């Protein structure tokens, strides 16, 4: 039994098409998407339609909720501001009612009970909290504190856009009895943030427990692809004009595969700027102080010299 697990496509159709082509070769038994189909790259509507047509199993992530909560009492504070939240406003104007209804009907987590295999729990963050995520540099104890209520031994998370394949343990009494989890993050299809701008996902295969504790073995996949169509679409779609600095930072993340949004907000908070009330002023100060725009431009495929002849 082999399951392809994808996550964090974020509207990147060119990246998704590369995965689809690869899956034609791998021929997994099932395909699961662990959240964040939309928002980030300008092909959210196309990604929704492509995934619906394929009939894959899909779990919602936090970016689905940015869309679903917009205009309600559940919405993110301040998201009515078209300057700070222009990216979301563009998304709301773009997604059709039928596509929105599809997102509304998705589950927030899944547990797979496939005959002959051990249960497999899947949630974008952790069950009930889709914005909790994990990194490879975290201590085991920090991760265990967040997943200790997960009863299944193999747990697939996402959200942080980095590939993780770790075994975690917790001793629960003086006899040495304890709990064990196999934590897997397949990485991001559309916006990897581990410094490697490839399409990333995972193939899980059920194995004997003495081969891999928990009964599922993960093989991480990474595939290079042409990012230029995704980057060109930011301008062609109008998202870059409407989305403001957040859209610019998403563009940068496609280029660098580094957490550009986190970098920006950390700098803003450390230097006393207000990215909510004066986002453009804060961004201009950030660029002037760090030269980050030049760092990105040197890596941008749209600005690389092309060989002639």
Protein backbone atom coordinates (compact mmCIF):
# COMPACT_ATOMS: atom_id res chain seq x y z
CA UNK A 1 0.00 0.00 0.00
CA UNK A 2 1.46 3.34 -1.05
CA UNK A 3 -0.03 6.76 -0.37
CA UNK A 4 1.21 9.99 -1.93
CA UNK A 5 0.90 12.85 0.55
CA UNK A 6 0.99 16.42 -0.76
CA UNK A 7 0.59 19.64 1.20
CA UNK A 8 0.76 23.41 0.88
CA UNK A 9 0.18 23.76 -2.86
CA UNK A 10 -0.81 27.41 -2.29
CA UNK A 11 -2.24 27.97 -5.73
CA UNK A 12 0.91 26.91 -7.57
CA UNK A 13 -0.51 25.08 -10.57
CA UNK A 14 2.81 24.64 -12.44
CA UNK A 15 4.24 22.87 -9.38
CA UNK A 16 1.12 20.72 -9.01
CA UNK A 17 1.30 19.63 -12.64
CA UNK A 18 4.86 18.38 -12.04
CA UNK A 19 3.60 16.26 -9.14
CA UNK A 20 0.75 14.88 -11.23
CA UNK A 21 3.19 13.83 -13.94
CA UNK A 22 5.45 12.17 -11.37
CA UNK A 23 2.52 10.31 -9.81
CA UNK A 24 1.70 8.82 -13.21
CA UNK A 25 5.03 7.03 -12.92
CA UNK A 26 4.83 6.19 -9.21
CA UNK A 27 1.22 4.98 -9.34
CA UNK A 28 0.35 5.28 -5.63
CA UNK A 29 -2.84 3.63 -4.39
CA UNK A 30 -4.18 6.88 -2.94
CA UNK A 31 -3.34 10.58 -2.96
CA UNK A 32 -3.98 12.84 0.03
CA UNK A 33 -3.54 16.62 0.20
CA UNK A 34 -2.89 17.91 3.71
CA UNK A 35 -4.20 21.46 3.52
CA UNK A 36 -3.57 24.83 1.91
CA UNK A 37 -4.66 24.25 -1.66
CA UNK A 38 -5.04 27.99 -2.13
CA UNK A 39 -3.52 31.44 -1.63
CA UNK A 40 0.06 32.44 -2.36
CA UNK A 41 0.54 31.83 -6.09
CA UNK A 42 -2.07 33.14 -8.59
CA UNK A 43 -3.65 29.82 -9.65
CA UNK A 44 -5.90 29.01 -6.68
CA UNK A 45 -9.01 28.53 -8.81
CA UNK A 46 -7.20 26.30 -11.28
CA UNK A 47 -5.73 24.22 -8.45
CA UNK A 48 -9.15 23.70 -6.89
CA UNK A 49 -10.63 22.54 -10.21
CA UNK A 50 -7.68 20.26 -10.96
CA UNK A 51 -7.81 18.57 -7.57
CA UNK A 52 -11.61 18.17 -7.64
CA UNK A 53 -11.41 16.51 -11.06
CA UNK A 54 -8.82 14.03 -9.78
CA UNK A 55 -10.96 13.04 -6.81
CA UNK A 56 -8.13 13.08 -4.30
CA UNK A 57 -8.66 13.09 -0.54
CA UNK A 58 -8.24 16.65 0.77
CA UNK A 59 -7.91 18.12 4.27
CA UNK A 60 -8.38 21.85 4.89
CA UNK A 61 -5.54 24.07 6.06
CA UNK A 62 -5.42 27.52 7.62
CA UNK A 63 -5.42 29.29 4.23
CA UNK A 64 -8.75 27.74 3.34
CA UNK A 65 -10.07 29.35 6.52
CA UNK A 66 -8.70 32.79 5.62
CA UNK A 67 -11.04 32.58 2.64
CA UNK A 68 -13.97 30.84 4.35
CA UNK A 69 -13.94 33.18 7.36
CA UNK A 70 -13.70 36.41 5.37
CA UNK A 71 -16.68 38.70 5.95
CA UNK A 72 -17.82 36.84 9.07
CA UNK A 73 -17.23 37.26 12.80
CA UNK A 74 -14.58 34.54 12.46
CA UNK A 75 -12.43 36.64 10.11
CA UNK A 76 -8.89 37.64 10.94
CA UNK A 77 -8.87 41.01 12.74
CA UNK A 78 -8.32 43.86 10.31
CA UNK A 79 -8.72 41.77 7.17
CA UNK A 80 -11.21 44.28 5.78
CA UNK A 81 -8.19 46.54 5.12
CA UNK A 82 -7.51 46.22 1.36
CA UNK A 83 -3.93 47.44 1.76
CA UNK A 84 -2.70 45.03 4.43
CA UNK A 85 -4.97 42.20 3.23
CA UNK A 86 -5.05 42.86 -0.52
CA UNK A 87 -3.88 39.33 -1.24
CA UNK A 88 -6.95 37.91 0.49
CA UNK A 89 -9.27 40.41 -1.20
CA UNK A 90 -7.93 39.31 -4.59
CA UNK A 91 -8.53 35.69 -3.63
CA UNK A 92 -12.10 36.38 -2.47
CA UNK A 93 -12.88 38.10 -5.78
CA UNK A 94 -11.36 35.25 -7.78
CA UNK A 95 -12.77 32.07 -6.23
CA UNK A 96 -16.23 31.16 -7.54
CA UNK A 97 -19.18 30.29 -5.27
CA UNK A 98 -19.01 26.66 -6.40
CA UNK A 99 -15.31 26.48 -5.57
CA UNK A 100 -15.96 28.10 -2.21
CA UNK A 101 -18.66 25.52 -1.46
CA UNK A 102 -16.16 22.76 -2.23
CA UNK A 103 -13.69 24.23 0.28
CA UNK A 104 -16.47 24.62 2.84
CA UNK A 105 -17.29 20.90 2.71
CA UNK A 106 -13.73 19.66 3.24
CA UNK A 107 -12.81 18.02 6.56
CA UNK A 108 -10.23 19.48 8.92
CA UNK A 109 -8.50 16.14 9.47
CA UNK A 110 -8.64 12.51 8.38
CA UNK A 111 -7.73 9.20 9.96
CA UNK A 112 -7.12 6.43 7.44
CA UNK A 113 -8.03 2.90 8.53
CA UNK A 114 -6.86 0.94 5.51
CA UNK A 115 -7.23 -2.83 5.96
CA UNK A 116 -3.95 -4.51 6.77
CA UNK A 117 -2.24 -1.27 7.85
CA UNK A 118 -1.90 0.71 11.04
CA UNK A 119 -4.06 3.86 11.37
CA UNK A 120 -2.68 7.03 9.79
CA UNK A 121 -3.73 10.41 11.23
CA UNK A 122 -3.59 13.47 8.99
CA UNK A 123 -4.08 17.13 9.97
CA UNK A 124 -2.65 20.33 8.53
CA UNK A 125 -1.25 21.46 11.88
CA UNK A 126 -2.41 19.32 14.77
CA UNK A 127 -6.00 18.18 15.32
CA UNK A 128 -8.11 21.21 16.17
CA UNK A 129 -5.29 23.73 15.60
CA UNK A 130 -4.31 24.18 11.99
CA UNK A 131 -1.62 26.82 12.58
CA UNK A 132 0.62 24.68 14.80
CA UNK A 133 3.67 23.47 12.90
CA UNK A 134 6.99 21.79 13.43
CA UNK A 135 10.61 22.20 12.35
CA UNK A 136 13.56 19.84 12.28
CA UNK A 137 15.50 21.95 14.77
CA UNK A 138 12.82 21.68 17.45
CA UNK A 139 13.48 19.58 20.54
CA UNK A 140 11.52 16.35 20.77
CA UNK A 141 9.87 17.55 23.99
CA UNK A 142 8.46 20.65 22.26
CA UNK A 143 6.85 18.57 19.55
CA UNK A 144 5.58 15.89 21.93
CA UNK A 145 3.85 18.58 24.00
CA UNK A 146 1.77 19.49 20.93
CA UNK A 147 0.97 15.99 19.66
CA UNK A 148 0.54 14.05 22.90
CA UNK A 149 -3.22 13.81 22.36
CA UNK A 150 -2.73 12.11 18.99
CA UNK A 151 -3.48 8.45 19.62
CA UNK A 152 -2.23 7.11 16.29
CA UNK A 153 1.43 6.17 16.06
CA UNK A 154 1.93 7.75 12.64
CA UNK A 155 0.91 11.37 12.31
CA UNK A 156 1.18 13.50 9.16
CA UNK A 157 1.34 17.25 9.71
CA UNK A 158 2.16 20.11 7.32
CA UNK A 159 1.97 23.93 7.59
CA UNK A 160 5.69 24.74 7.97
CA UNK A 161 6.64 23.86 4.37
CA UNK A 162 9.63 21.73 5.41
CA UNK A 163 10.06 17.97 5.09
CA UNK A 164 10.19 16.07 8.38
CA UNK A 165 10.59 12.36 9.12
CA UNK A 166 11.10 11.90 12.87
CA UNK A 167 10.39 9.38 15.59
CA UNK A 168 9.42 10.81 18.96
CA UNK A 169 9.03 9.15 22.34
CA UNK A 170 7.59 10.02 25.72
CA UNK A 171 8.02 8.02 28.93
CA UNK A 172 4.78 8.04 30.90
CA UNK A 173 5.60 6.11 34.10
CA UNK A 174 8.44 4.70 36.19
CA UNK A 175 8.32 1.31 34.50
CA UNK A 176 9.59 2.86 31.29
CA UNK A 177 6.29 2.51 29.50
CA UNK A 178 5.70 5.31 27.04
CA UNK A 179 4.26 6.59 23.81
CA UNK A 180 5.78 6.69 20.36
CA UNK A 181 4.94 8.77 17.32
CA UNK A 182 6.27 8.81 13.78
CA UNK A 183 5.91 12.43 12.67
CA UNK A 184 5.92 13.12 8.93
CA UNK A 185 5.69 16.40 7.05
CA UNK A 186 5.74 15.94 3.25
CA UNK A 187 6.97 19.49 2.66
CA UNK A 188 5.34 21.97 0.32
CA UNK A 189 4.42 21.42 -3.30
CA UNK A 190 4.08 25.10 -4.14
CA UNK A 191 6.01 27.13 -1.56
CA UNK A 192 8.85 25.15 0.04
CA UNK A 193 10.63 27.07 2.79
CA UNK A 194 13.69 24.90 3.37
CA UNK A 195 15.94 26.73 0.93
CA UNK A 196 15.32 24.28 -1.91
CA UNK A 197 12.94 25.67 -4.59
CA UNK A 198 11.78 22.27 -5.79
CA UNK A 199 8.38 20.60 -5.72
CA UNK A 200 8.31 18.54 -2.53
CA UNK A 201 5.99 15.76 -1.33
CA UNK A 202 6.17 12.29 0.20
CA UNK A 203 5.29 8.70 -0.58
CA UNK A 204 4.20 6.62 2.41
CA UNK A 205 4.36 2.84 2.22
CA UNK A 206 3.04 0.45 4.81
CA UNK A 207 5.72 -1.84 6.23
CA UNK A 208 6.18 -4.19 9.15
CA UNK A 209 6.58 -2.51 12.50
CA UNK A 210 10.11 -3.89 12.88
CA UNK A 211 11.04 -2.12 9.64
CA UNK A 212 9.55 1.27 10.64
CA UNK A 213 7.88 1.77 14.00
CA UNK A 214 4.29 2.80 13.41
CA UNK A 215 3.99 0.77 10.23
CA UNK A 216 4.54 3.51 7.64
CA UNK A 217 7.78 4.34 5.86
CA UNK A 218 8.22 7.75 4.23
CA UNK A 219 10.19 8.50 1.09
CA UNK A 220 10.65 12.20 0.45
CA UNK A 221 10.40 13.40 -3.13
CA UNK A 222 11.89 16.57 -4.62
CA UNK A 223 11.57 17.60 -8.26
CA UNK A 224 12.95 20.64 -10.04
CA UNK A 225 10.52 22.62 -12.19
CA UNK A 226 10.31 25.78 -14.26
CA UNK A 227 9.11 28.48 -11.85
CA UNK A 228 8.87 31.21 -14.49
CA UNK A 229 5.17 30.63 -15.37
CA UNK A 230 4.24 30.92 -11.69
CA UNK A 231 6.30 34.08 -11.25
CA UNK A 232 5.00 35.69 -14.45
CA UNK A 233 1.42 35.06 -13.32
CA UNK A 234 1.80 37.43 -10.36
CA UNK A 235 1.84 40.37 -12.77
CA UNK A 236 -0.40 38.93 -15.48
CA UNK A 237 -3.20 38.02 -13.06
CA UNK A 238 -3.28 41.38 -11.32
CA UNK A 239 -2.51 39.76 -7.97
CA UNK A 240 0.75 41.66 -7.52
CA UNK A 241 -0.94 45.05 -7.99
CA UNK A 242 -3.84 44.26 -5.68
CA UNK A 243 -2.05 42.14 -3.12
CA UNK A 244 0.57 44.61 -1.97
CA UNK A 245 3.54 43.64 0.16
CA UNK A 246 2.21 40.23 1.24
CA UNK A 247 1.91 39.20 -2.39
CA UNK A 248 5.41 40.53 -3.02
CA UNK A 249 6.69 38.41 -0.15
CA UNK A 250 4.92 35.32 -1.50
CA UNK A 251 6.61 36.00 -4.85
CA UNK A 252 9.94 36.16 -3.05
CA UNK A 253 9.24 32.83 -1.38
CA UNK A 254 8.74 31.17 -4.77
CA UNK A 255 12.13 32.55 -5.76
CA UNK A 256 14.19 31.81 -2.65
CA UNK A 257 12.31 28.98 -0.90
CA UNK A 258 13.00 30.87 2.30
CA UNK A 259 10.43 32.21 4.81
CA UNK A 260 10.33 35.76 3.46
CA UNK A 261 7.14 36.70 5.32
CA UNK A 262 8.64 35.57 8.63
CA UNK A 263 11.89 37.41 7.90
CA UNK A 264 9.97 40.62 7.21
CA UNK A 265 7.81 40.50 10.32
CA UNK A 266 10.71 39.60 12.57
CA UNK A 267 12.64 42.62 11.29
CA UNK A 268 9.60 44.88 11.67
CA UNK A 269 8.96 43.82 15.26
CA UNK A 270 12.64 44.14 16.17
CA UNK A 271 12.91 47.62 14.68
CA UNK A 272 9.73 49.25 15.92
CA UNK A 273 7.78 49.48 12.66
CA UNK A 274 4.04 48.95 12.24
CA UNK A 275 3.35 46.47 9.45
CA UNK A 276 -0.40 46.54 10.07
CA UNK A 277 -1.16 50.28 10.03
CA UNK A 278 1.67 51.34 7.72
CA UNK A 279 2.69 48.21 5.79
CA UNK A 280 4.25 49.94 2.79
CA UNK A 281 6.34 52.23 4.97
CA UNK A 282 7.51 49.25 7.02
CA UNK A 283 8.35 47.28 3.87
CA UNK A 284 10.29 50.18 2.34
CA UNK A 285 12.32 50.50 5.55
CA UNK A 286 12.96 46.75 5.56
CA UNK A 287 14.23 46.76 1.99
CA UNK A 288 16.41 49.83 2.58
CA UNK A 289 17.97 48.30 5.69
CA UNK A 290 18.48 44.74 4.48
CA UNK A 291 18.82 44.88 0.69
CA UNK A 292 16.58 41.83 0.58
CA UNK A 293 15.08 42.84 -2.76
CA UNK A 294 18.50 42.59 -4.40
CA UNK A 295 19.15 39.23 -2.75
CA UNK A 296 15.91 37.94 -4.27
CA UNK A 297 16.48 39.51 -7.69
CA UNK A 298 19.86 37.75 -8.04
CA UNK A 299 18.02 34.44 -7.64
CA UNK A 300 14.90 35.24 -9.64
CA UNK A 301 14.61 33.01 -12.76
CA UNK A 302 12.88 35.86 -14.62
CA UNK A 303 16.02 37.97 -14.30
CA UNK A 304 18.63 35.33 -15.04
CA UNK A 305 20.56 35.74 -18.32
CA UNK A 306 19.44 33.22 -20.92
CA UNK A 307 21.75 31.42 -23.32
CA UNK A 308 21.26 32.30 -26.97
CA UNK A 309 22.00 29.90 -29.81
